[in-house]
């Protein structure tokens, strides 16, 4: 069954380790995606704003690298929904952390192919605030932190309005609870949490509480399930298991989220030991889903829900 995944960090890992898109020792490459029956993989550019200088310039270098790799191996790039080639592997360029893209550069990055931006990472920026405090992540208790007070800044409200004008998808993963509430209030189009799970199942700040999930469902948003162990179970340093991920799917379905679940595995962006070793093994989760849910629901989770949102926003 075709897979659409909203988040990975592979292109940056490739850039940093001088590897290629066709075959590498990372979680994702063309060979692995073919085995995993991938239709579309979002490729995120992530740079740590507390460690990197000249974020915008470096991001553009990585975009150039991404373009060379996709062109070298004839991989289709998606700029709008109608660009998707349903007989091939497709990729779409995204940014993780709006600190990389100043408000004045949004149009420039749109012209360079960026079609989704995660508003925050683990540090506050000019757009808004995260739940987690990147300066204090030393224990499981630190991971449980949520922020119900600090959300979008005034510039952040302008930022997401500009994103919607440009048809760039808003991504609230990493955002504070208040930031998600603000996006719900200020945005007009469906948006995503590209790599987040359910707080009620695993209470860490990277996950969404039921109130936010219900509001996102009502707005026809999509939540991409993250495979990081700490975000799907309460066991530290253990394997990321499909069985644990199913509890999150059950819960979101119980909330009425049949049309709001997708994948955002965060491959090459997490250190977890994975039952799904890499993208070539994604059909393992499809097989488990098929034992539990109807074919209709499995197709929605695997690709249809994300594609439906893309059809509405990427025009």
Protein backbone atom coordinates (compact mmCIF):
# COMPACT_ATOMS: atom_id res chain seq x y z
CA UNK A 1 0.00 0.00 0.00
CA UNK A 2 1.30 3.45 -0.96
CA UNK A 3 2.98 5.47 1.80
CA UNK A 4 2.97 9.24 2.24
CA UNK A 5 5.17 10.54 5.06
CA UNK A 6 5.19 14.16 6.20
CA UNK A 7 8.54 14.37 7.96
CA UNK A 8 12.10 13.05 7.84
CA UNK A 9 15.55 14.61 8.37
CA UNK A 10 17.29 12.56 5.70
CA UNK A 11 18.35 15.31 3.30
CA UNK A 12 20.29 17.13 6.04
CA UNK A 13 21.92 13.90 7.21
CA UNK A 14 22.89 13.16 3.62
CA UNK A 15 24.36 16.64 3.24
CA UNK A 16 26.31 16.40 6.50
CA UNK A 17 27.70 12.92 5.78
CA UNK A 18 28.23 13.35 2.03
CA UNK A 19 25.90 10.53 1.02
CA UNK A 20 23.57 10.19 -1.94
CA UNK A 21 19.83 9.74 -2.32
CA UNK A 22 20.00 6.52 -4.33
CA UNK A 23 21.71 4.34 -1.71
CA UNK A 24 23.02 5.26 1.71
CA UNK A 25 23.29 3.92 5.27
CA UNK A 26 20.49 6.14 6.57
CA UNK A 27 16.81 5.32 7.15
CA UNK A 28 15.72 6.61 3.75
CA UNK A 29 17.04 6.30 0.22
CA UNK A 30 15.47 5.53 -3.15
CA UNK A 31 16.06 1.78 -2.90
CA UNK A 32 14.50 1.60 0.56
CA UNK A 33 11.53 3.76 -0.45
CA UNK A 34 10.83 1.50 -3.42
CA UNK A 35 10.78 -1.54 -1.15
CA UNK A 36 8.53 0.32 1.27
CA UNK A 37 6.12 1.32 -1.56
CA UNK A 38 6.50 5.06 -0.99
CA UNK A 39 4.48 7.54 -3.00
CA UNK A 40 5.66 10.78 -1.37
CA UNK A 41 8.26 11.66 1.24
CA UNK A 42 8.55 15.17 2.68
CA UNK A 43 12.22 16.15 3.04
CA UNK A 44 12.78 18.57 5.92
CA UNK A 45 15.66 20.98 6.32
CA UNK A 46 16.48 21.28 10.01
CA UNK A 47 19.26 23.47 11.45
CA UNK A 48 19.76 24.03 15.18
CA UNK A 49 19.45 27.78 15.62
CA UNK A 50 21.55 27.70 18.82
CA UNK A 51 24.49 26.01 17.09
CA UNK A 52 24.40 27.11 13.48
CA UNK A 53 25.24 30.51 12.03
CA UNK A 54 23.83 31.96 8.82
CA UNK A 55 20.79 29.69 8.93
CA UNK A 56 19.21 31.07 5.78
CA UNK A 57 22.35 30.76 3.70
CA UNK A 58 23.05 27.20 4.84
CA UNK A 59 19.45 26.18 4.19
CA UNK A 60 19.83 27.41 0.62
CA UNK A 61 22.98 25.32 0.21
CA UNK A 62 21.05 22.25 1.38
CA UNK A 63 18.22 23.08 -1.04
CA UNK A 64 20.76 23.19 -3.85
CA UNK A 65 22.03 19.78 -2.69
CA UNK A 66 18.45 18.43 -2.59
CA UNK A 67 17.85 19.68 -6.13
CA UNK A 68 21.03 18.06 -7.42
CA UNK A 69 20.19 14.72 -5.81
CA UNK A 70 16.59 14.62 -7.03
CA UNK A 71 17.60 15.64 -10.54
CA UNK A 72 20.50 13.18 -10.62
CA UNK A 73 18.19 10.27 -9.84
CA UNK A 74 15.13 11.61 -11.67
CA UNK A 75 12.95 11.91 -8.56
CA UNK A 76 9.79 13.93 -9.04
CA UNK A 77 9.48 17.08 -6.89
CA UNK A 78 6.08 18.28 -5.69
CA UNK A 79 5.21 21.98 -5.68
CA UNK A 80 1.43 21.62 -5.92
CA UNK A 81 -0.93 18.68 -5.61
CA UNK A 82 -1.24 18.20 -9.36
CA UNK A 83 2.52 17.61 -9.58
CA UNK A 84 2.24 14.26 -7.81
CA UNK A 85 3.15 11.36 -10.09
CA UNK A 86 1.12 8.42 -8.78
CA UNK A 87 3.32 5.94 -10.65
CA UNK A 88 6.57 7.08 -9.08
CA UNK A 89 8.34 8.21 -5.91
CA UNK A 90 7.82 11.88 -5.14
CA UNK A 91 9.49 14.24 -2.67
CA UNK A 92 8.47 17.60 -1.24
CA UNK A 93 10.74 20.17 0.40
CA UNK A 94 9.93 21.40 3.92
CA UNK A 95 11.57 23.48 6.65
CA UNK A 96 11.70 22.48 10.33
CA UNK A 97 11.84 25.69 12.40
CA UNK A 98 10.78 29.04 10.99
CA UNK A 99 13.93 30.58 12.51
CA UNK A 100 15.56 29.42 9.27
CA UNK A 101 13.19 31.49 7.11
CA UNK A 102 12.68 35.15 8.08
CA UNK A 103 9.31 36.70 7.25
CA UNK A 104 10.93 38.76 4.49
CA UNK A 105 12.29 35.58 2.86
CA UNK A 106 9.09 33.53 2.74
CA UNK A 107 8.48 34.27 -0.93
CA UNK A 108 12.09 33.45 -1.76
CA UNK A 109 11.88 30.05 -0.07
CA UNK A 110 8.52 29.39 -1.71
CA UNK A 111 10.17 30.04 -5.07
CA UNK A 112 12.89 27.58 -4.08
CA UNK A 113 10.26 24.87 -3.60
CA UNK A 114 9.45 24.91 0.13
CA UNK A 115 5.85 23.87 0.70
CA UNK A 116 5.64 23.27 4.46
CA UNK A 117 7.22 25.06 7.43
CA UNK A 118 7.29 23.85 11.03
CA UNK A 119 6.78 27.05 13.03
CA UNK A 120 9.07 26.18 15.95
CA UNK A 121 11.59 23.64 17.10
CA UNK A 122 12.65 23.40 20.76
CA UNK A 123 13.49 27.09 21.22
CA UNK A 124 11.36 30.23 21.03
CA UNK A 125 11.80 32.24 17.85
CA UNK A 126 10.33 35.36 16.27
CA UNK A 127 7.22 33.42 15.21
CA UNK A 128 6.30 31.65 18.43
CA UNK A 129 7.00 29.30 21.29
CA UNK A 130 7.49 25.52 21.64
CA UNK A 131 6.27 23.26 24.42
CA UNK A 132 9.68 21.80 25.19
CA UNK A 133 12.54 23.87 26.56
CA UNK A 134 15.57 22.92 24.49
CA UNK A 135 17.92 24.26 27.15
CA UNK A 136 16.48 21.89 29.77
CA UNK A 137 15.80 18.44 28.36
CA UNK A 138 17.58 16.21 30.84
CA UNK A 139 14.82 13.94 32.07
CA UNK A 140 11.44 12.44 31.22
CA UNK A 141 9.85 15.13 33.38
CA UNK A 142 11.39 17.80 31.15
CA UNK A 143 9.75 16.11 28.16
CA UNK A 144 6.33 16.49 29.79
CA UNK A 145 6.49 20.29 29.78
CA UNK A 146 3.63 22.14 28.07
CA UNK A 147 3.10 25.87 27.59
CA UNK A 148 -0.47 27.11 27.70
CA UNK A 149 0.52 30.79 27.91
CA UNK A 150 3.00 31.64 25.14
CA UNK A 151 1.91 31.06 21.54
CA UNK A 152 2.24 32.95 18.28
CA UNK A 153 3.91 36.34 18.42
CA UNK A 154 2.42 39.29 16.53
CA UNK A 155 4.94 38.60 13.79
CA UNK A 156 3.93 34.94 13.95
CA UNK A 157 0.35 35.86 13.08
CA UNK A 158 1.58 37.80 10.05
CA UNK A 159 3.91 34.90 9.22
CA UNK A 160 1.19 32.25 9.01
CA UNK A 161 -1.08 34.60 7.04
CA UNK A 162 1.73 35.03 4.51
CA UNK A 163 2.28 31.27 4.44
CA UNK A 164 -1.37 30.73 3.57
CA UNK A 165 -1.24 33.39 0.85
CA UNK A 166 1.72 31.55 -0.67
CA UNK A 167 0.09 28.10 -0.25
CA UNK A 168 2.78 26.92 2.17
CA UNK A 169 1.39 24.39 4.67
CA UNK A 170 1.53 25.42 8.34
CA UNK A 171 3.07 22.77 10.60
CA UNK A 172 2.52 23.03 14.38
CA UNK A 173 4.63 20.07 15.54
CA UNK A 174 6.94 21.22 18.38
CA UNK A 175 4.65 24.19 18.96
CA UNK A 176 3.31 25.09 22.40
CA UNK A 177 -0.29 24.26 23.24
CA UNK A 178 -1.04 27.99 23.06
CA UNK A 179 0.65 28.23 19.66
CA UNK A 180 -1.62 25.50 18.28
CA UNK A 181 -4.64 27.31 19.74
CA UNK A 182 -3.47 30.53 18.10
CA UNK A 183 -3.00 28.83 14.73
CA UNK A 184 -6.49 27.35 15.02
CA UNK A 185 -7.82 30.86 15.60
CA UNK A 186 -5.72 32.78 13.07
CA UNK A 187 -5.49 30.36 10.12
CA UNK A 188 -8.10 29.85 7.43
CA UNK A 189 -6.90 26.61 5.83
CA UNK A 190 -6.27 23.11 7.20
CA UNK A 191 -2.80 22.66 8.66
CA UNK A 192 -0.72 19.78 10.00
CA UNK A 193 1.20 18.53 12.98
CA UNK A 194 3.65 16.71 10.74
CA UNK A 195 5.26 14.51 13.41
CA UNK A 196 3.26 14.39 16.65
CA UNK A 197 1.24 11.84 18.64
CA UNK A 198 -1.45 11.77 21.35
CA UNK A 199 -0.66 13.27 24.77
CA UNK A 200 -3.33 11.16 26.46
CA UNK A 201 -1.42 8.02 25.54
CA UNK A 202 2.10 9.34 26.11
CA UNK A 203 2.16 12.58 28.13
CA UNK A 204 5.10 14.45 26.62
CA UNK A 205 5.00 18.00 25.34
CA UNK A 206 5.70 16.95 21.76
CA UNK A 207 2.29 15.30 21.63
CA UNK A 208 -1.15 16.86 21.23
CA UNK A 209 -3.75 16.87 23.97
CA UNK A 210 -7.31 15.74 23.25
CA UNK A 211 -8.67 19.27 23.16
CA UNK A 212 -6.25 20.24 20.41
CA UNK A 213 -6.79 17.00 18.50
CA UNK A 214 -10.56 17.49 18.53
CA UNK A 215 -10.22 21.04 17.25
CA UNK A 216 -7.79 19.93 14.54
CA UNK A 217 -10.17 17.17 13.47
CA UNK A 218 -12.95 19.73 13.16
CA UNK A 219 -10.68 21.88 10.97
CA UNK A 220 -9.77 18.91 8.71
CA UNK A 221 -6.13 19.04 9.82
CA UNK A 222 -3.83 16.00 9.75
CA UNK A 223 -1.54 14.59 12.45
CA UNK A 224 1.52 12.66 11.27
CA UNK A 225 2.46 9.90 13.70
CA UNK A 226 6.02 10.11 15.01
CA UNK A 227 8.01 6.90 15.60
CA UNK A 228 10.26 8.26 18.37
CA UNK A 229 10.14 5.90 21.38
CA UNK A 230 9.77 8.63 23.99
CA UNK A 231 6.73 10.01 22.13
CA UNK A 232 4.86 6.71 21.77
CA UNK A 233 5.51 4.98 25.11
CA UNK A 234 6.79 5.61 28.64
CA UNK A 235 9.77 3.29 28.37
CA UNK A 236 13.14 5.02 28.18
CA UNK A 237 15.75 3.72 25.70
CA UNK A 238 13.53 0.88 24.52
CA UNK A 239 12.48 -0.16 21.04
CA UNK A 240 9.96 1.93 19.13
CA UNK A 241 7.24 -0.68 18.59
CA UNK A 242 4.35 -0.78 16.16
CA UNK A 243 2.13 -2.07 18.98
CA UNK A 244 2.70 1.14 20.95
CA UNK A 245 1.95 3.31 17.93
CA UNK A 246 -1.36 1.51 17.50
CA UNK A 247 -2.55 2.82 20.89
CA UNK A 248 -2.16 6.36 19.53
CA UNK A 249 -4.06 5.47 16.37
CA UNK A 250 -6.84 3.82 18.41
CA UNK A 251 -7.12 6.91 20.56
CA UNK A 252 -7.27 9.42 17.71
CA UNK A 253 -9.83 7.23 15.94
CA UNK A 254 -11.90 7.14 19.14
CA UNK A 255 -11.88 10.94 19.07
CA UNK A 256 -13.32 10.86 15.55
CA UNK A 257 -10.03 11.32 13.72
CA UNK A 258 -10.46 8.84 10.88
CA UNK A 259 -9.69 11.61 8.38
CA UNK A 260 -6.92 13.23 10.42
CA UNK A 261 -4.22 10.55 10.88
CA UNK A 262 -1.15 10.13 8.70
CA UNK A 263 2.55 9.35 9.02
CA UNK A 264 5.37 11.66 10.05
CA UNK A 265 7.85 9.04 11.15
CA UNK A 266 10.78 11.44 11.74
CA UNK A 267 13.21 8.94 10.22
CA UNK A 268 16.85 10.06 10.33
CA UNK A 269 15.75 12.59 12.94
CA UNK A 270 15.38 10.26 15.93
CA UNK A 271 17.84 8.06 17.80
CA UNK A 272 15.32 5.39 18.77
CA UNK A 273 15.88 1.72 18.13
CA UNK A 274 13.15 1.00 15.60
CA UNK A 275 11.03 -2.06 14.94
CA UNK A 276 10.57 -0.47 11.51
CA UNK A 277 14.30 -0.40 10.82
CA UNK A 278 14.06 2.00 7.92
CA UNK A 279 11.71 3.07 5.13
CA UNK A 280 11.99 -0.30 3.40
CA UNK A 281 10.04 -1.82 6.32
CA UNK A 282 7.03 0.51 6.28
CA UNK A 283 4.75 -2.23 5.01
CA UNK A 284 5.21 -3.94 8.40
CA UNK A 285 3.03 -1.28 9.97
CA UNK A 286 0.54 -1.55 7.10
CA UNK A 287 0.19 -5.29 7.79
CA UNK A 288 -0.50 -4.61 11.47
CA UNK A 289 -3.00 -1.90 10.61
CA UNK A 290 -4.81 -4.26 8.25
CA UNK A 291 -5.27 -6.77 11.08
CA UNK A 292 -6.93 -4.10 13.19
CA UNK A 293 -8.82 -1.71 10.92
CA UNK A 294 -10.82 -1.73 7.70
CA UNK A 295 -9.06 -1.30 4.38
CA UNK A 296 -10.78 2.07 4.08
CA UNK A 297 -9.19 3.36 7.29
CA UNK A 298 -5.76 1.88 6.52
CA UNK A 299 -5.69 3.66 3.14
CA UNK A 300 -6.61 6.92 4.83
CA UNK A 301 -3.77 6.58 7.34
CA UNK A 302 -1.24 5.38 4.77
CA UNK A 303 -1.75 8.17 2.25
CA UNK A 304 -5.27 9.45 1.59
CA UNK A 305 -5.62 11.85 4.53
CA UNK A 306 -2.38 13.67 3.81
CA UNK A 307 -3.09 13.79 0.09
CA UNK A 308 -6.54 15.22 0.79
CA UNK A 309 -5.01 18.08 2.77
CA UNK A 310 -2.38 18.68 0.08
CA UNK A 311 -5.13 18.87 -2.51
CA UNK A 312 -6.82 21.61 -0.48
CA UNK A 313 -3.70 23.68 0.27
CA UNK A 314 -1.10 23.03 -2.43
CA UNK A 315 -2.80 24.82 -5.31
